[in-house]
Amino acid sequence: MRHRFHCRTFVLLVSVFLAMAWADAVTAHAQGGTDFPGTVLAADAAAGKLTVKKDDGGTRFTFVVNEKTQFAGDGPKSLAGVKKGDHVIVTYTVNGTQYVAQKVTSGSKP
């Protein structure tokens, strides 16, 4: 009887710990977004689109840039100033099928 109590208590504690860790990870991801470092392939201010190729591979994403997107770093302060070949880190979230840029940080390639 005592063994069952310890087993159930252990399983309960592990379950609570895992649930809390999962909730923290989801919250952090939702608040901060995901970073995508790379080189600009195209920037279209009129369409609000920024295409970036990832530094460590061939992956490329086209991000939606809107009025909520922040620009940081030592480079341009708007999409209009971003040029092909610029190095950026795009912090983004996924909204349906779109990759929405929350922040574009520009600077020299590491």
PDB file of N, CA and C in Angstrom:
ATOM      1  N   MET A   1       0.829  -1.190   0.000  1.00  0.00           N
ATOM      2  CA  MET A   1       0.000   0.000   0.000  1.00  0.00           C
ATOM      3  C   MET A   1       0.874   1.254   0.000  1.00  0.00           C
ATOM      4  N   ARG A   2       1.894   1.253   0.825  1.00  0.00           N
ATOM      5  CA  ARG A   2       2.766   2.411   0.914  1.00  0.00           C
ATOM      6  C   ARG A   2       3.494   2.653  -0.407  1.00  0.00           C
ATOM      7  N   HIS A   3       3.901   1.595  -1.100  1.00  0.00           N
ATOM      8  CA  HIS A   3       4.597   1.704  -2.378  1.00  0.00           C
ATOM      9  C   HIS A   3       3.714   2.383  -3.420  1.00  0.00           C
ATOM     10  N   ARG A   4       2.421   2.030  -3.462  1.00  0.00           N
ATOM     11  CA  ARG A   4       1.494   2.654  -4.421  1.00  0.00           C
ATOM     12  C   ARG A   4       1.374   4.152  -4.170  1.00  0.00           C
ATOM     13  N   PHE A   5       1.338   4.522  -2.897  1.00  0.00           N
ATOM     14  CA  PHE A   5       1.230   5.943  -2.551  1.00  0.00           C
ATOM     15  C   PHE A   5       2.434   6.706  -3.074  1.00  0.00           C
ATOM     16  N   HIS A   6       3.627   6.196  -2.877  1.00  0.00           N
ATOM     17  CA  HIS A   6       4.836   6.861  -3.348  1.00  0.00           C
ATOM     18  C   HIS A   6       4.861   6.934  -4.875  1.00  0.00           C
ATOM     19  N   CYS A   7       4.450   5.879  -5.518  1.00  0.00           N
ATOM     20  CA  CYS A   7       4.419   5.844  -6.990  1.00  0.00           C
ATOM     21  C   CYS A   7       3.440   6.881  -7.526  1.00  0.00           C
ATOM     22  N   ARG A   8       2.260   6.930  -6.971  1.00  0.00           N
ATOM     23  CA  ARG A   8       1.243   7.885  -7.422  1.00  0.00           C
ATOM     24  C   ARG A   8       1.693   9.321  -7.148  1.00  0.00           C
ATOM     25  N   THR A   9       2.282   9.536  -6.002  1.00  0.00           N
ATOM     26  CA  THR A   9       2.775  10.869  -5.662  1.00  0.00           C
ATOM     27  C   THR A   9       3.867  11.286  -6.638  1.00  0.00           C
ATOM     28  N   PHE A  10       4.763  10.378  -6.942  1.00  0.00           N
ATOM     29  CA  PHE A  10       5.845  10.666  -7.881  1.00  0.00           C
ATOM     30  C   PHE A  10       5.282  11.010  -9.260  1.00  0.00           C
ATOM     31  N   VAL A  11       4.361  10.226  -9.746  1.00  0.00           N
ATOM     32  CA  VAL A  11       3.760  10.462 -11.064  1.00  0.00           C
ATOM     33  C   VAL A  11       3.033  11.807 -11.065  1.00  0.00           C
ATOM     34  N   LEU A  12       2.330  12.110 -10.009  1.00  0.00           N
ATOM     35  CA  LEU A  12       1.630  13.384  -9.913  1.00  0.00           C
ATOM     36  C   LEU A  12       2.614  14.554  -9.939  1.00  0.00           C
ATOM     37  N   LEU A  13       3.683  14.450  -9.148  1.00  0.00           N
ATOM     38  CA  LEU A  13       4.677  15.523  -9.113  1.00  0.00           C
ATOM     39  C   LEU A  13       5.362  15.705 -10.465  1.00  0.00           C
ATOM     40  N   VAL A  14       5.716  14.635 -11.126  1.00  0.00           N
ATOM     41  CA  VAL A  14       6.342  14.730 -12.442  1.00  0.00           C
ATOM     42  C   VAL A  14       5.371  15.355 -13.438  1.00  0.00           C
ATOM     43  N   SER A  15       4.118  14.969 -13.388  1.00  0.00           N
ATOM     44  CA  SER A  15       3.106  15.534 -14.294  1.00  0.00           C
ATOM     45  C   SER A  15       2.941  17.033 -14.083  1.00  0.00           C
ATOM     46  N   VAL A  16       2.891  17.461 -12.839  1.00  0.00           N
ATOM     47  CA  VAL A  16       2.766  18.891 -12.531  1.00  0.00           C
ATOM     48  C   VAL A  16       4.000  19.638 -13.024  1.00  0.00           C
ATOM     49  N   PHE A  17       5.182  19.087 -12.795  1.00  0.00           N
ATOM     50  CA  PHE A  17       6.413  19.720 -13.253  1.00  0.00           C
ATOM     51  C   PHE A  17       6.426  19.865 -14.773  1.00  0.00           C
ATOM     52  N   LEU A  18       6.075  18.815 -15.484  1.00  0.00           N
ATOM     53  CA  LEU A  18       6.058  18.865 -16.951  1.00  0.00           C
ATOM     54  C   LEU A  18       5.025  19.865 -17.469  1.00  0.00           C
ATOM     55  N   ALA A  19       3.880  19.918 -16.841  1.00  0.00           N
ATOM     56  CA  ALA A  19       2.851  20.875 -17.257  1.00  0.00           C
ATOM     57  C   ALA A  19       3.326  22.308 -17.048  1.00  0.00           C
ATOM     58  N   MET A  20       4.000  22.559 -15.950  1.00  0.00           N
ATOM     59  CA  MET A  20       4.506  23.912 -15.683  1.00  0.00           C
ATOM     60  C   MET A  20       5.622  24.276 -16.670  1.00  0.00           C
ATOM     61  N   ALA A  21       6.500  23.347 -16.964  1.00  0.00           N
ATOM     62  CA  ALA A  21       7.586  23.604 -17.915  1.00  0.00           C
ATOM     63  C   ALA A  21       7.017  23.877 -19.303  1.00  0.00           C
ATOM     64  N   TRP A  22       6.033  23.106 -19.716  1.00  0.00           N
ATOM     65  CA  TRP A  22       5.400  23.299 -21.028  1.00  0.00           C
ATOM     66  C   TRP A  22       4.726  24.666 -21.094  1.00  0.00           C
ATOM     67  N   ALA A  23       4.009  25.042 -20.044  1.00  0.00           N
ATOM     68  CA  ALA A  23       3.325  26.338 -20.024  1.00  0.00           C
ATOM     69  C   ALA A  23       4.326  27.487 -20.099  1.00  0.00           C
ATOM     70  N   ASP A  24       5.458  27.373 -19.392  1.00  0.00           N
ATOM     71  CA  ASP A  24       6.493  28.406 -19.456  1.00  0.00           C
ATOM     72  C   ASP A  24       7.077  28.514 -20.854  1.00  0.00           C
ATOM     73  N   ALA A  25       7.309  27.385 -21.502  1.00  0.00           N
ATOM     74  CA  ALA A  25       7.880  27.398 -22.857  1.00  0.00           C
ATOM     75  C   ALA A  25       6.916  28.031 -23.852  1.00  0.00           C
ATOM     76  N   VAL A  26       5.640  27.708 -23.751  1.00  0.00           N
ATOM     77  CA  VAL A  26       4.641  28.278 -24.655  1.00  0.00           C
ATOM     78  C   VAL A  26       4.532  29.783 -24.442  1.00  0.00           C
ATOM     79  N   THR A  27       4.521  30.218 -23.203  1.00  0.00           N
ATOM     80  CA  THR A  27       4.430  31.648 -22.903  1.00  0.00           C
ATOM     81  C   THR A  27       5.648  32.396 -23.430  1.00  0.00           C
ATOM     82  N   ALA A  28       6.835  31.861 -23.208  1.00  0.00           N
ATOM     83  CA  ALA A  28       8.057  32.514 -23.676  1.00  0.00           C
ATOM     84  C   ALA A  28       8.062  32.607 -25.194  1.00  0.00           C
ATOM     85  N   HIS A  29       7.628  31.553 -25.862  1.00  0.00           N
ATOM     86  CA  HIS A  29       7.605  31.562 -27.321  1.00  0.00           C
ATOM     87  C   HIS A  29       6.599  32.582 -27.837  1.00  0.00           C
ATOM     88  N   ALA A  30       5.437  32.643 -27.227  1.00  0.00           N
ATOM     89  CA  ALA A  30       4.397  33.566 -27.679  1.00  0.00           C
ATOM     90  C   ALA A  30       4.813  35.016 -27.473  1.00  0.00           C
ATOM     91  N   GLN A  31       5.514  35.294 -26.381  1.00  0.00           N
ATOM     92  CA  GLN A  31       5.907  36.670 -26.092  1.00  0.00           C
ATOM     93  C   GLN A  31       7.119  37.106 -26.904  1.00  0.00           C
ATOM     94  N   GLY A  32       8.079  36.223 -27.078  1.00  0.00           N
ATOM     95  CA  GLY A  32       9.334  36.618 -27.694  1.00  0.00           C
ATOM     96  C   GLY A  32       9.452  36.287 -29.161  1.00  0.00           C
ATOM     97  N   GLY A  33       8.704  35.327 -29.636  1.00  0.00           N
ATOM     98  CA  GLY A  33       8.835  34.919 -31.018  1.00  0.00           C
ATOM     99  C   GLY A  33      10.056  34.047 -31.226  1.00  0.00           C
ATOM    100  N   THR A  34      10.344  33.776 -32.486  1.00  0.00           N
ATOM    101  CA  THR A  34      11.460  32.940 -32.886  1.00  0.00           C
ATOM    102  C   THR A  34      12.424  33.777 -33.702  1.00  0.00           C
ATOM    103  N   ASP A  35      13.718  33.622 -33.456  1.00  0.00           N
ATOM    104  CA  ASP A  35      14.724  34.377 -34.204  1.00  0.00           C
ATOM    105  C   ASP A  35      15.125  33.637 -35.469  1.00  0.00           C
ATOM    106  N   PHE A  36      15.290  34.392 -36.552  1.00  0.00           N
ATOM    107  CA  PHE A  36      15.707  33.861 -37.844  1.00  0.00           C
ATOM    108  C   PHE A  36      16.825  34.752 -38.376  1.00  0.00           C
ATOM    109  N   PRO A  37      18.095  34.390 -38.127  1.00  0.00           N
ATOM    110  CA  PRO A  37      19.207  35.196 -38.619  1.00  0.00           C
ATOM    111  C   PRO A  37      19.508  34.858 -40.076  1.00  0.00           C
ATOM    112  N   GLY A  38      19.764  35.881 -40.879  1.00  0.00           N
ATOM    113  CA  GLY A  38      20.082  35.602 -42.262  1.00  0.00           C
ATOM    114  C   GLY A  38      20.400  36.837 -43.077  1.00  0.00           C
ATOM    115  N   THR A  39      20.458  36.617 -44.392  1.00  0.00           N
ATOM    116  CA  THR A  39      20.794  37.659 -45.349  1.00  0.00           C
ATOM    117  C   THR A  39      19.552  37.999 -46.163  1.00  0.00           C
ATOM    118  N   VAL A  40      19.307  39.286 -46.338  1.00  0.00           N
ATOM    119  CA  VAL A  40      18.130  39.750 -47.077  1.00  0.00           C
ATOM    120  C   VAL A  40      18.286  39.399 -48.554  1.00  0.00           C
ATOM    121  N   LEU A  41      17.272  38.723 -49.094  1.00  0.00           N
ATOM    122  CA  LEU A  41      17.222  38.434 -50.530  1.00  0.00           C
ATOM    123  C   LEU A  41      16.377  39.476 -51.256  1.00  0.00           C
ATOM    124  N   ALA A  42      15.333  39.963 -50.567  1.00  0.00           N
ATOM    125  CA  ALA A  42      14.454  40.975 -51.162  1.00  0.00           C
ATOM    126  C   ALA A  42      13.718  41.714 -50.054  1.00  0.00           C
ATOM    127  N   ALA A  43      13.475  43.010 -50.294  1.00  0.00           N
ATOM    128  CA  ALA A  43      12.707  43.838 -49.361  1.00  0.00           C
ATOM    129  C   ALA A  43      11.748  44.681 -50.192  1.00  0.00           C
ATOM    130  N   ASP A  44      10.456  44.494 -49.967  1.00  0.00           N
ATOM    131  CA  ASP A  44       9.434  45.216 -50.730  1.00  0.00           C
ATOM    132  C   ASP A  44       8.574  46.002 -49.748  1.00  0.00           C
ATOM    133  N   ALA A  45       8.912  47.287 -49.580  1.00  0.00           N
ATOM    134  CA  ALA A  45       8.193  48.128 -48.619  1.00  0.00           C
ATOM    135  C   ALA A  45       6.742  48.325 -49.021  1.00  0.00           C
ATOM    136  N   ALA A  46       6.462  48.449 -50.316  1.00  0.00           N
ATOM    137  CA  ALA A  46       5.090  48.668 -50.779  1.00  0.00           C
ATOM    138  C   ALA A  46       4.194  47.474 -50.440  1.00  0.00           C
ATOM    139  N   ALA A  47       4.735  46.261 -50.559  1.00  0.00           N
ATOM    140  CA  ALA A  47       3.962  45.051 -50.270  1.00  0.00           C
ATOM    141  C   ALA A  47       4.081  44.618 -48.812  1.00  0.00           C
ATOM    142  N   GLY A  48       5.039  45.215 -48.067  1.00  0.00           N
ATOM    143  CA  GLY A  48       5.246  44.833 -46.674  1.00  0.00           C
ATOM    144  C   GLY A  48       5.824  43.435 -46.543  1.00  0.00           C
ATOM    145  N   LYS A  49       6.775  43.093 -47.429  1.00  0.00           N
ATOM    146  CA  LYS A  49       7.365  41.753 -47.438  1.00  0.00           C
ATOM    147  C   LYS A  49       8.887  41.839 -47.333  1.00  0.00           C
ATOM    148  N   LEU A  50       9.462  40.902 -46.586  1.00  0.00           N
ATOM    149  CA  LEU A  50      10.908  40.822 -46.414  1.00  0.00           C
ATOM    150  C   LEU A  50      11.299  39.354 -46.563  1.00  0.00           C
ATOM    151  N   THR A  51      12.140  39.049 -47.554  1.00  0.00           N
ATOM    152  CA  THR A  51      12.587  37.676 -47.785  1.00  0.00           C
ATOM    153  C   THR A  51      14.017  37.550 -47.311  1.00  0.00           C
ATOM    154  N   VAL A  52      14.259  36.543 -46.443  1.00  0.00           N
ATOM    155  CA  VAL A  52      15.557  36.354 -45.810  1.00  0.00           C
ATOM    156  C   VAL A  52      15.974  34.893 -45.964  1.00  0.00           C
ATOM    157  N   LYS A  53      17.260  34.677 -46.307  1.00  0.00           N
ATOM    158  CA  LYS A  53      17.837  33.334 -46.380  1.00  0.00           C
ATOM    159  C   LYS A  53      18.633  33.092 -45.104  1.00  0.00           C
ATOM    160  N   LYS A  54      18.370  31.978 -44.447  1.00  0.00           N
ATOM    161  CA  LYS A  54      19.008  31.663 -43.165  1.00  0.00           C
ATOM    162  C   LYS A  54      20.512  31.512 -43.311  1.00  0.00           C
ATOM    163  N   ASP A  55      21.250  31.980 -42.303  1.00  0.00           N
ATOM    164  CA  ASP A  55      22.713  31.939 -42.297  1.00  0.00           C
ATOM    165  C   ASP A  55      23.274  30.527 -42.433  1.00  0.00           C
ATOM    166  N   ASP A  56      22.713  29.588 -41.698  1.00  0.00           N
ATOM    167  CA  ASP A  56      23.320  28.255 -41.620  1.00  0.00           C
ATOM    168  C   ASP A  56      22.658  27.217 -42.532  1.00  0.00           C
ATOM    169  N   GLY A  57      22.018  27.665 -43.576  1.00  0.00           N
ATOM    170  CA  GLY A  57      21.389  26.708 -44.483  1.00  0.00           C
ATOM    171  C   GLY A  57      20.660  27.410 -45.603  1.00  0.00           C
ATOM    172  N   GLY A  58      19.972  26.630 -46.401  1.00  0.00           N
ATOM    173  CA  GLY A  58      19.277  27.170 -47.552  1.00  0.00           C
ATOM    174  C   GLY A  58      17.861  27.614 -47.273  1.00  0.00           C
ATOM    175  N   THR A  59      17.423  27.515 -46.020  1.00  0.00           N
ATOM    176  CA  THR A  59      16.053  27.888 -45.677  1.00  0.00           C
ATOM    177  C   THR A  59      15.835  29.367 -45.920  1.00  0.00           C
ATOM    178  N   ARG A  60      14.715  29.690 -46.556  1.00  0.00           N
ATOM    179  CA  ARG A  60      14.368  31.093 -46.759  1.00  0.00           C
ATOM    180  C   ARG A  60      12.895  31.288 -46.396  1.00  0.00           C
ATOM    181  N   PHE A  61      12.637  32.399 -45.745  1.00  0.00           N
ATOM    182  CA  PHE A  61      11.275  32.751 -45.360  1.00  0.00           C
ATOM    183  C   PHE A  61      10.953  34.124 -45.913  1.00  0.00           C
ATOM    184  N   THR A  62       9.684  34.320 -46.215  1.00  0.00           N
ATOM    185  CA  THR A  62       9.193  35.652 -46.544  1.00  0.00           C
ATOM    186  C   THR A  62       8.321  36.085 -45.379  1.00  0.00           C
ATOM    187  N   PHE A  63       8.707  37.199 -44.774  1.00  0.00           N
ATOM    188  CA  PHE A  63       8.030  37.707 -43.588  1.00  0.00           C
ATOM    189  C   PHE A  63       7.101  38.843 -43.956  1.00  0.00           C
ATOM    190  N   VAL A  64       5.984  38.930 -43.247  1.00  0.00           N
ATOM    191  CA  VAL A  64       5.083  40.072 -43.360  1.00  0.00           C
ATOM    192  C   VAL A  64       5.602  41.137 -42.403  1.00  0.00           C
ATOM    193  N   VAL A  65       5.794  42.339 -42.918  1.00  0.00           N
ATOM    194  CA  VAL A  65       6.234  43.470 -42.105  1.00  0.00           C
ATOM    195  C   VAL A  65       5.075  44.462 -42.067  1.00  0.00           C
ATOM    196  N   ASN A  66       4.644  44.818 -40.858  1.00  0.00           N
ATOM    197  CA  ASN A  66       3.509  45.734 -40.731  1.00  0.00           C
ATOM    198  C   ASN A  66       3.845  46.886 -39.788  1.00  0.00           C
ATOM    199  N   GLU A  67       2.842  47.659 -39.434  1.00  0.00           N
ATOM    200  CA  GLU A  67       3.066  48.837 -38.587  1.00  0.00           C
ATOM    201  C   GLU A  67       3.516  48.477 -37.170  1.00  0.00           C
ATOM    202  N   LYS A  68       3.316  47.229 -36.757  1.00  0.00           N
ATOM    203  CA  LYS A  68       3.745  46.800 -35.422  1.00  0.00           C
ATOM    204  C   LYS A  68       5.190  46.300 -35.406  1.00  0.00           C
ATOM    205  N   THR A  69       5.772  46.075 -36.566  1.00  0.00           N
ATOM    206  CA  THR A  69       7.146  45.579 -36.641  1.00  0.00           C
ATOM    207  C   THR A  69       8.114  46.653 -36.176  1.00  0.00           C
ATOM    208  N   GLN A  70       9.001  46.276 -35.267  1.00  0.00           N
ATOM    209  CA  GLN A  70      10.014  47.203 -34.753  1.00  0.00           C
ATOM    210  C   GLN A  70      11.324  46.974 -35.499  1.00  0.00           C
ATOM    211  N   PHE A  71      12.087  48.035 -35.696  1.00  0.00           N
ATOM    212  CA  PHE A  71      13.406  47.946 -36.321  1.00  0.00           C
ATOM    213  C   PHE A  71      14.437  48.364 -35.290  1.00  0.00           C
ATOM    214  N   ALA A  72      15.474  47.537 -35.143  1.00  0.00           N
ATOM    215  CA  ALA A  72      16.501  47.779 -34.133  1.00  0.00           C
ATOM    216  C   ALA A  72      17.877  47.562 -34.745  1.00  0.00           C
ATOM    217  N   GLY A  73      18.897  47.894 -33.990  1.00  0.00           N
ATOM    218  CA  GLY A  73      20.263  47.689 -34.458  1.00  0.00           C
ATOM    219  C   GLY A  73      20.824  48.950 -35.079  1.00  0.00           C
ATOM    220  N   ASP A  74      21.946  48.789 -35.764  1.00  0.00           N
ATOM    221  CA  ASP A  74      22.640  49.949 -36.315  1.00  0.00           C
ATOM    222  C   ASP A  74      22.291  50.227 -37.778  1.00  0.00           C
ATOM    223  N   GLY A  75      21.269  49.578 -38.278  1.00  0.00           N
ATOM    224  CA  GLY A  75      20.882  49.746 -39.681  1.00  0.00           C
ATOM    225  C   GLY A  75      19.612  50.555 -39.851  1.00  0.00           C
ATOM    226  N   PRO A  76      18.905  50.300 -40.951  1.00  0.00           N
ATOM    227  CA  PRO A  76      17.682  51.046 -41.269  1.00  0.00           C
ATOM    228  C   PRO A  76      16.621  50.953 -40.171  1.00  0.00           C
ATOM    229  N   LYS A  77      15.808  51.961 -40.108  1.00  0.00           N
ATOM    230  CA  LYS A  77      14.750  52.025 -39.094  1.00  0.00           C
ATOM    231  C   LYS A  77      13.367  51.757 -39.676  1.00  0.00           C
ATOM    232  N   SER A  78      13.341  51.325 -40.957  1.00  0.00           N
ATOM    233  CA  SER A  78      12.085  50.936 -41.587  1.00  0.00           C
ATOM    234  C   SER A  78      12.400  49.967 -42.717  1.00  0.00           C
ATOM    235  N   LEU A  79      11.389  49.287 -43.222  1.00  0.00           N
ATOM    236  CA  LEU A  79      11.581  48.337 -44.310  1.00  0.00           C
ATOM    237  C   LEU A  79      12.093  49.028 -45.567  1.00  0.00           C
ATOM    238  N   ALA A  80      11.724  50.276 -45.760  1.00  0.00           N
ATOM    239  CA  ALA A  80      12.164  51.022 -46.946  1.00  0.00           C
ATOM    240  C   ALA A  80      13.685  51.136 -47.017  1.00  0.00           C
ATOM    241  N   GLY A  81      14.366  51.098 -45.882  1.00  0.00           N
ATOM    242  CA  GLY A  81      15.815  51.235 -45.861  1.00  0.00           C
ATOM    243  C   GLY A  81      16.576  49.921 -45.929  1.00  0.00           C
ATOM    244  N   VAL A  82      15.867  48.797 -45.856  1.00  0.00           N
ATOM    245  CA  VAL A  82      16.517  47.491 -45.892  1.00  0.00           C
ATOM    246  C   VAL A  82      16.855  47.140 -47.340  1.00  0.00           C
ATOM    247  N   LYS A  83      18.070  46.679 -47.567  1.00  0.00           N
ATOM    248  CA  LYS A  83      18.548  46.372 -48.922  1.00  0.00           C
ATOM    249  C   LYS A  83      18.965  44.909 -49.043  1.00  0.00           C
ATOM    250  N   LYS A  84      18.937  44.408 -50.270  1.00  0.00           N
ATOM    251  CA  LYS A  84      19.416  43.065 -50.578  1.00  0.00           C
ATOM    252  C   LYS A  84      20.869  42.954 -50.109  1.00  0.00           C
ATOM    253  N   GLY A  85      21.182  41.843 -49.426  1.00  0.00           N
ATOM    254  CA  GLY A  85      22.532  41.620 -48.920  1.00  0.00           C
ATOM    255  C   GLY A  85      22.730  42.034 -47.475  1.00  0.00           C
ATOM    256  N   ASP A  86      21.799  42.825 -46.917  1.00  0.00           N
ATOM    257  CA  ASP A  86      21.898  43.216 -45.503  1.00  0.00           C
ATOM    258  C   ASP A  86      21.776  41.974 -44.626  1.00  0.00           C
ATOM    259  N   HIS A  87      22.497  41.980 -43.516  1.00  0.00           N
ATOM    260  CA  HIS A  87      22.353  40.909 -42.528  1.00  0.00           C
ATOM    261  C   HIS A  87      21.344  41.362 -41.487  1.00  0.00           C
ATOM    262  N   VAL A  88      20.353  40.501 -41.185  1.00  0.00           N
ATOM    263  CA  VAL A  88      19.322  40.830 -40.207  1.00  0.00           C
ATOM    264  C   VAL A  88      19.019  39.619 -39.337  1.00  0.00           C
ATOM    265  N   ILE A  89      18.401  39.887 -38.220  1.00  0.00           N
ATOM    266  CA  ILE A  89      17.794  38.847 -37.396  1.00  0.00           C
ATOM    267  C   ILE A  89      16.323  39.234 -37.292  1.00  0.00           C
ATOM    268  N   VAL A  90      15.464  38.388 -37.824  1.00  0.00           N
ATOM    269  CA  VAL A  90      14.024  38.652 -37.783  1.00  0.00           C
ATOM    270  C   VAL A  90      13.436  37.829 -36.642  1.00  0.00           C
ATOM    271  N   THR A  91      12.806  38.502 -35.701  1.00  0.00           N
ATOM    272  CA  THR A  91      12.067  37.834 -34.639  1.00  0.00           C
ATOM    273  C   THR A  91      10.621  37.794 -35.104  1.00  0.00           C
ATOM    274  N   TYR A  92      10.073  36.584 -35.238  1.00  0.00           N
ATOM    275  CA  TYR A  92       8.750  36.445 -35.858  1.00  0.00           C
ATOM    276  C   TYR A  92       7.841  35.502 -35.078  1.00  0.00           C
ATOM    277  N   THR A  93       6.567  35.602 -35.396  1.00  0.00           N
ATOM    278  CA  THR A  93       5.566  34.655 -34.922  1.00  0.00           C
ATOM    279  C   THR A  93       4.827  34.127 -36.144  1.00  0.00           C
ATOM    280  N   VAL A  94       4.163  33.009 -35.974  1.00  0.00           N
ATOM    281  CA  VAL A  94       3.383  32.431 -37.057  1.00  0.00           C
ATOM    282  C   VAL A  94       1.922  32.741 -36.797  1.00  0.00           C
ATOM    283  N   ASN A  95       1.276  33.328 -37.806  1.00  0.00           N
ATOM    284  CA  ASN A  95      -0.143  33.647 -37.720  1.00  0.00           C
ATOM    285  C   ASN A  95      -0.813  32.981 -38.916  1.00  0.00           C
ATOM    286  N   GLY A  96      -1.399  31.813 -38.683  1.00  0.00           N
ATOM    287  CA  GLY A  96      -1.976  31.046 -39.790  1.00  0.00           C
ATOM    288  C   GLY A  96      -0.856  30.538 -40.678  1.00  0.00           C
ATOM    289  N   THR A  97      -0.832  31.002 -41.928  1.00  0.00           N
ATOM    290  CA  THR A  97       0.212  30.595 -42.866  1.00  0.00           C
ATOM    291  C   THR A  97       1.264  31.683 -43.067  1.00  0.00           C
ATOM    292  N   GLN A  98       1.170  32.753 -42.292  1.00  0.00           N
ATOM    293  CA  GLN A  98       2.093  33.871 -42.464  1.00  0.00           C
ATOM    294  C   GLN A  98       3.129  33.924 -41.341  1.00  0.00           C
ATOM    295  N   TYR A  99       4.349  34.301 -41.733  1.00  0.00           N
ATOM    296  CA  TYR A  99       5.415  34.565 -40.774  1.00  0.00           C
ATOM    297  C   TYR A  99       5.432  36.080 -40.576  1.00  0.00           C
ATOM    298  N   VAL A 100       5.013  36.522 -39.406  1.00  0.00           N
ATOM    299  CA  VAL A 100       4.861  37.952 -39.137  1.00  0.00           C
ATOM    300  C   VAL A 100       6.059  38.454 -38.341  1.00  0.00           C
ATOM    301  N   ALA A 101       6.775  39.415 -38.914  1.00  0.00           N
ATOM    302  CA  ALA A 101       7.956  39.973 -38.259  1.00  0.00           C
ATOM    303  C   ALA A 101       7.537  40.872 -37.107  1.00  0.00           C
ATOM    304  N   GLN A 102       8.004  40.542 -35.904  1.00  0.00           N
ATOM    305  CA  GLN A 102       7.772  41.393 -34.743  1.00  0.00           C
ATOM    306  C   GLN A 102       8.883  42.430 -34.635  1.00  0.00           C
ATOM    307  N   LYS A 103      10.125  41.967 -34.945  1.00  0.00           N
ATOM    308  CA  LYS A 103      11.275  42.859 -34.841  1.00  0.00           C
ATOM    309  C   LYS A 103      12.299  42.466 -35.892  1.00  0.00           C
ATOM    310  N   VAL A 104      12.906  43.463 -36.514  1.00  0.00           N
ATOM    311  CA  VAL A 104      13.989  43.249 -37.458  1.00  0.00           C
ATOM    312  C   VAL A 104      15.201  43.972 -36.898  1.00  0.00           C
ATOM    313  N   THR A 105      16.218  43.193 -36.546  1.00  0.00           N
ATOM    314  CA  THR A 105      17.446  43.750 -36.014  1.00  0.00           C
ATOM    315  C   THR A 105      18.509  43.644 -37.095  1.00  0.00           C
ATOM    316  N   SER A 106      19.081  44.766 -37.452  1.00  0.00           N
ATOM    317  CA  SER A 106      20.089  44.751 -38.515  1.00  0.00           C
ATOM    318  C   SER A 106      21.457  45.062 -37.933  1.00  0.00           C
ATOM    319  N   GLY A 107      22.462  44.609 -38.633  1.00  0.00           N
ATOM    320  CA  GLY A 107      23.827  44.842 -38.201  1.00  0.00           C
ATOM    321  C   GLY A 107      24.772  44.003 -39.008  1.00  0.00           C
ATOM    322  N   SER A 108      26.001  43.965 -38.578  1.00  0.00           N
ATOM    323  CA  SER A 108      27.002  43.207 -39.308  1.00  0.00           C
ATOM    324  C   SER A 108      26.830  41.714 -39.042  1.00  0.00           C
ATOM    325  N   LYS A 109      27.228  40.920 -40.023  1.00  0.00           N
ATOM    326  CA  LYS A 109      27.130  39.468 -39.899  1.00  0.00           C
ATOM    327  C   LYS A 109      28.125  38.987 -38.867  1.00  0.00           C
ATOM    328  N   PRO A 110      27.679  38.090 -37.955  1.00  0.00           N
ATOM    329  CA  PRO A 110      28.590  37.602 -36.901  1.00  0.00           C
ATOM    330  C   PRO A 110      29.732  36.808 -37.468  1.00  0.00           C
TER     331      PRO A 110
END
